[in-house]
Amino acid sequence: MRARSAIADIPYLEAAAAIRPDHSIGYVTLGRCLERLGRTHRAREVCEKGIAVAKRCGDLLPLQEMQRQLASLP
């Protein structure tokens, strides 16, 4: 994912999270975009929220991915 693509994707991913707040994969992708752009504080917030969603919904793969991503953020 290139930075230009990440910038363009963020509004759509945020809208998708608002429309389908229980879709944990959306949080994974949004967190990656934010991290790619150096917006680590916001990426951390998104991962934390996504982890809560994934736990509630029983989505193990997105949960593990976001936990790894969160641990790697500075």
Protein backbone atom coordinates (compact mmCIF):
# COMPACT_ATOMS: atom_id res chain seq x y z
CA MET A 1 0.00 0.00 0.00
CA ARG A 2 1.50 3.30 -1.05
CA ALA A 3 1.15 6.46 1.03
CA ARG A 4 -0.94 8.18 -1.65
CA SER A 5 -3.33 5.24 -1.68
CA ALA A 6 -3.49 5.21 2.12
CA ILE A 7 -4.40 8.90 2.22
CA ALA A 8 -7.20 8.36 -0.28
CA ASP A 9 -8.45 5.21 1.47
CA ILE A 10 -8.78 6.60 5.01
CA PRO A 11 -12.09 8.47 4.55
CA TYR A 12 -13.68 5.39 2.99
CA LEU A 13 -12.39 3.08 5.69
CA GLU A 14 -13.61 5.42 8.42
CA ALA A 15 -17.02 5.59 6.76
CA ALA A 16 -17.11 1.79 6.49
CA ALA A 17 -16.31 1.48 10.21
CA ALA A 18 -19.14 3.88 11.01
CA ILE A 19 -21.59 1.97 8.82
CA ARG A 20 -20.51 -1.51 9.95
CA PRO A 21 -18.92 -1.06 13.38
CA ASP A 22 -18.76 -4.84 13.98
CA HIS A 23 -16.70 -5.56 10.84
CA SER A 24 -13.31 -6.15 12.45
CA ILE A 25 -11.36 -6.48 9.17
CA GLY A 26 -12.09 -2.82 8.47
CA TYR A 27 -10.23 -1.84 11.64
CA VAL A 28 -7.21 -3.89 10.56
CA THR A 29 -7.03 -2.10 7.22
CA LEU A 30 -7.68 1.35 8.68
CA GLY A 31 -5.00 0.82 11.32
CA ARG A 32 -2.48 -0.20 8.65
CA CYS A 33 -3.23 2.89 6.57
CA LEU A 34 -2.83 5.18 9.56
CA GLU A 35 0.40 3.50 10.59
CA ARG A 36 1.74 3.81 7.04
CA LEU A 37 1.12 7.57 7.20
CA GLY A 38 2.87 7.91 10.55
CA ARG A 39 -0.35 8.61 12.43
CA THR A 40 0.56 6.13 15.13
CA HIS A 41 -1.58 7.63 17.89
CA ARG A 42 -4.71 7.27 15.76
CA ALA A 43 -3.59 3.82 14.56
CA ARG A 44 -3.28 2.76 18.20
CA GLU A 45 -6.82 4.01 18.94
CA VAL A 46 -8.21 2.15 15.91
CA CYS A 47 -6.42 -1.07 16.86
CA GLU A 48 -7.67 -0.89 20.44
CA LYS A 49 -11.25 -0.39 19.27
CA GLY A 50 -10.86 -3.11 16.63
CA ILE A 51 -9.50 -5.55 19.22
CA ALA A 52 -12.57 -4.97 21.38
CA VAL A 53 -14.83 -5.54 18.37
CA ALA A 54 -12.98 -8.68 17.29
CA LYS A 55 -13.17 -10.11 20.83
CA ARG A 56 -16.88 -9.39 21.06
CA CYS A 57 -17.55 -10.96 17.64
CA GLY A 58 -15.15 -13.90 18.07
CA ASP A 59 -13.03 -12.92 15.04
CA LEU A 60 -9.74 -14.56 15.95
CA LEU A 61 -7.61 -13.77 12.88
CA PRO A 62 -8.34 -10.02 12.86
CA LEU A 63 -7.88 -10.03 16.64
CA GLN A 64 -4.42 -11.57 16.38
CA GLU A 65 -3.42 -9.25 13.54
CA MET A 66 -4.45 -6.13 15.46
CA GLN A 67 -2.71 -7.35 18.61
CA ARG A 68 0.52 -7.79 16.61
CA GLN A 69 0.06 -4.40 14.98
CA LEU A 70 -0.60 -2.70 18.30
CA ALA A 71 2.50 -4.29 19.85
CA SER A 72 4.65 -3.06 16.95
CA LEU A 73 3.51 0.57 17.11
CA PRO A 74 6.03 2.97 18.66
